[in-house]
Amino acid sequence: MKRKDIIMLLIVVALAVVPLVIVKTPAEGDIFLGADDKASALIGTISPGYQPWFEPIWTPPSGEIASLLFAVQAGLGCGFLGYYVGLSVGRKRTVRSADA
């Protein structure tokens, strides 16, 4: 391997390992907490008598199911974006080759 390749490989490994070493381990109950849970806790501390405007229609049975649904939503969104970008690039190439 070339020296440049080895340096790039070391940088990639460092980018993967350094955050794992630097970031502190979360408390036992905070492992699966997201922004919504942290915001709810903060609102509870700022205004203990706060009443939400409405309740969710359906709550997933567990945090893992909620994560699964989020991952499916993200995958569908990425698939749609990838399809759209690919379609746009294909159309531009078709127009360029027709003009040439």
C-alpha atoms as a PDB file:
ATOM      1  CA  MET A   1       0.000   0.000   0.000  1.00  0.00           C
ATOM      2  CA  LYS A   2       1.076   3.511  -0.653  1.00  0.00           C
ATOM      3  CA  ARG A   3       1.942   5.843   2.180  1.00  0.00           C
ATOM      4  CA  LYS A   4      -1.018   8.066   1.295  1.00  0.00           C
ATOM      5  CA  ASP A   5      -3.401   5.105   1.585  1.00  0.00           C
ATOM      6  CA  ILE A   6      -2.023   4.127   4.989  1.00  0.00           C
ATOM      7  CA  ILE A   7      -2.414   7.690   6.274  1.00  0.00           C
ATOM      8  CA  MET A   8      -6.012   7.814   5.038  1.00  0.00           C
ATOM      9  CA  LEU A   9      -6.734   4.448   6.684  1.00  0.00           C
ATOM     10  CA  LEU A  10      -5.304   5.692  10.001  1.00  0.00           C
ATOM     11  CA  ILE A  11      -7.426   8.841   9.790  1.00  0.00           C
ATOM     12  CA  VAL A  12     -10.583   6.796   9.178  1.00  0.00           C
ATOM     13  CA  VAL A  13      -9.788   4.486  12.100  1.00  0.00           C
ATOM     14  CA  ALA A  14      -9.083   7.502  14.317  1.00  0.00           C
ATOM     15  CA  LEU A  15     -12.411   9.075  13.328  1.00  0.00           C
ATOM     16  CA  ALA A  16     -14.178   5.883  14.366  1.00  0.00           C
ATOM     17  CA  VAL A  17     -12.277   5.219  17.613  1.00  0.00           C
ATOM     18  CA  VAL A  18     -11.664   8.694  19.085  1.00  0.00           C
ATOM     19  CA  PRO A  19     -15.360   9.533  19.712  1.00  0.00           C
ATOM     20  CA  LEU A  20     -15.802   6.190  21.465  1.00  0.00           C
ATOM     21  CA  VAL A  21     -12.933   6.999  23.814  1.00  0.00           C
ATOM     22  CA  ILE A  22     -13.740  10.673  24.411  1.00  0.00           C
ATOM     23  CA  VAL A  23     -17.519  10.533  24.918  1.00  0.00           C
ATOM     24  CA  LYS A  24     -18.603   9.502  28.385  1.00  0.00           C
ATOM     25  CA  THR A  25     -20.863   6.497  28.831  1.00  0.00           C
ATOM     26  CA  PRO A  26     -24.498   7.510  29.428  1.00  0.00           C
ATOM     27  CA  ALA A  27     -26.333   6.585  32.599  1.00  0.00           C
ATOM     28  CA  GLU A  28     -28.110   3.230  32.591  1.00  0.00           C
ATOM     29  CA  GLY A  29     -31.580   4.628  31.834  1.00  0.00           C
ATOM     30  CA  ASP A  30     -30.379   7.199  29.281  1.00  0.00           C
ATOM     31  CA  ILE A  31     -29.157   4.750  26.654  1.00  0.00           C
ATOM     32  CA  PHE A  32     -32.217   4.938  24.377  1.00  0.00           C
ATOM     33  CA  LEU A  33     -33.327   8.483  25.197  1.00  0.00           C
ATOM     34  CA  GLY A  34     -33.771  10.775  22.235  1.00  0.00           C
ATOM     35  CA  ALA A  35     -34.408  14.477  21.832  1.00  0.00           C
ATOM     36  CA  ASP A  36     -38.134  14.082  22.555  1.00  0.00           C
ATOM     37  CA  ASP A  37     -37.513  12.396  25.911  1.00  0.00           C
ATOM     38  CA  LYS A  38     -34.872  14.923  26.923  1.00  0.00           C
ATOM     39  CA  ALA A  39     -37.149  17.827  25.922  1.00  0.00           C
ATOM     40  CA  SER A  40     -40.020  16.353  27.958  1.00  0.00           C
ATOM     41  CA  ALA A  41     -37.765  16.040  30.997  1.00  0.00           C
ATOM     42  CA  LEU A  42     -36.550  19.627  30.578  1.00  0.00           C
ATOM     43  CA  ILE A  43     -40.107  20.957  30.243  1.00  0.00           C
ATOM     44  CA  GLY A  44     -41.019  19.038  33.398  1.00  0.00           C
ATOM     45  CA  THR A  45     -38.206  20.747  35.290  1.00  0.00           C
ATOM     46  CA  ILE A  46     -38.935  24.231  33.972  1.00  0.00           C
ATOM     47  CA  SER A  47     -42.710  24.094  34.402  1.00  0.00           C
ATOM     48  CA  PRO A  48     -43.862  21.216  36.643  1.00  0.00           C
ATOM     49  CA  GLY A  49     -47.576  21.964  36.112  1.00  0.00           C
ATOM     50  CA  TYR A  50     -47.396  21.844  32.301  1.00  0.00           C
ATOM     51  CA  GLN A  51     -50.240  19.942  30.609  1.00  0.00           C
ATOM     52  CA  PRO A  52     -49.721  18.787  26.992  1.00  0.00           C
ATOM     53  CA  TRP A  53     -52.231  20.049  24.438  1.00  0.00           C
ATOM     54  CA  PHE A  54     -53.026  16.546  23.161  1.00  0.00           C
ATOM     55  CA  GLU A  55     -51.991  12.920  23.565  1.00  0.00           C
ATOM     56  CA  PRO A  56     -50.528  10.734  20.801  1.00  0.00           C
ATOM     57  CA  ILE A  57     -53.019   8.614  18.849  1.00  0.00           C
ATOM     58  CA  TRP A  58     -50.794   5.514  19.133  1.00  0.00           C
ATOM     59  CA  THR A  59     -47.695   4.879  21.198  1.00  0.00           C
ATOM     60  CA  PRO A  60     -45.284   2.127  20.110  1.00  0.00           C
ATOM     61  CA  PRO A  61     -45.105  -0.729  22.626  1.00  0.00           C
ATOM     62  CA  SER A  62     -41.340  -0.318  23.153  1.00  0.00           C
ATOM     63  CA  GLY A  63     -38.408   1.900  22.307  1.00  0.00           C
ATOM     64  CA  GLU A  64     -37.069  -0.710  19.902  1.00  0.00           C
ATOM     65  CA  ILE A  65     -40.287  -0.628  17.857  1.00  0.00           C
ATOM     66  CA  ALA A  66     -40.107   3.173  17.759  1.00  0.00           C
ATOM     67  CA  SER A  67     -36.494   2.929  16.533  1.00  0.00           C
ATOM     68  CA  LEU A  68     -37.536   0.376  13.913  1.00  0.00           C
ATOM     69  CA  LEU A  69     -40.288   2.644  12.624  1.00  0.00           C
ATOM     70  CA  PHE A  70     -37.871   5.573  12.505  1.00  0.00           C
ATOM     71  CA  ALA A  71     -35.339   3.465  10.568  1.00  0.00           C
ATOM     72  CA  VAL A  72     -38.013   2.345   8.094  1.00  0.00           C
ATOM     73  CA  GLN A  73     -39.094   5.953   7.614  1.00  0.00           C
ATOM     74  CA  ALA A  74     -35.487   7.041   7.064  1.00  0.00           C
ATOM     75  CA  GLY A  75     -34.899   4.186   4.607  1.00  0.00           C
ATOM     76  CA  LEU A  76     -37.995   5.058   2.591  1.00  0.00           C
ATOM     77  CA  GLY A  77     -36.967   8.717   2.530  1.00  0.00           C
ATOM     78  CA  CYS A  78     -33.448   7.872   1.371  1.00  0.00           C
ATOM     79  CA  GLY A  79     -34.830   5.508  -1.256  1.00  0.00           C
ATOM     80  CA  PHE A  80     -37.134   8.210  -2.575  1.00  0.00           C
ATOM     81  CA  LEU A  81     -34.329  10.786  -2.664  1.00  0.00           C
ATOM     82  CA  GLY A  82     -31.962   8.348  -4.373  1.00  0.00           C
ATOM     83  CA  TYR A  83     -34.598   7.477  -6.971  1.00  0.00           C
ATOM     84  CA  TYR A  84     -35.336  11.149  -7.633  1.00  0.00           C
ATOM     85  CA  VAL A  85     -31.664  12.116  -7.956  1.00  0.00           C
ATOM     86  CA  GLY A  86     -30.969   9.132 -10.218  1.00  0.00           C
ATOM     87  CA  LEU A  87     -33.972   9.937 -12.372  1.00  0.00           C
ATOM     88  CA  SER A  88     -32.892  13.584 -12.673  1.00  0.00           C
ATOM     89  CA  VAL A  89     -29.338  12.647 -13.645  1.00  0.00           C
ATOM     90  CA  GLY A  90     -30.621  10.125 -16.174  1.00  0.00           C
ATOM     91  CA  ARG A  91     -32.919  12.698 -17.752  1.00  0.00           C
ATOM     92  CA  LYS A  92     -30.089  15.238 -18.032  1.00  0.00           C
ATOM     93  CA  ARG A  93     -27.815  12.641 -19.655  1.00  0.00           C
ATOM     94  CA  THR A  94     -30.557  11.703 -22.095  1.00  0.00           C
ATOM     95  CA  VAL A  95     -31.107  15.347 -23.045  1.00  0.00           C
ATOM     96  CA  ARG A  96     -27.347  15.923 -23.462  1.00  0.00           C
ATOM     97  CA  SER A  97     -26.901  12.843 -25.646  1.00  0.00           C
ATOM     98  CA  ALA A  98     -29.924  13.836 -27.772  1.00  0.00           C
ATOM     99  CA  ASP A  99     -28.471  17.335 -28.275  1.00  0.00           C
ATOM    100  CA  ALA A 100     -25.037  16.020 -29.251  1.00  0.00           C
END
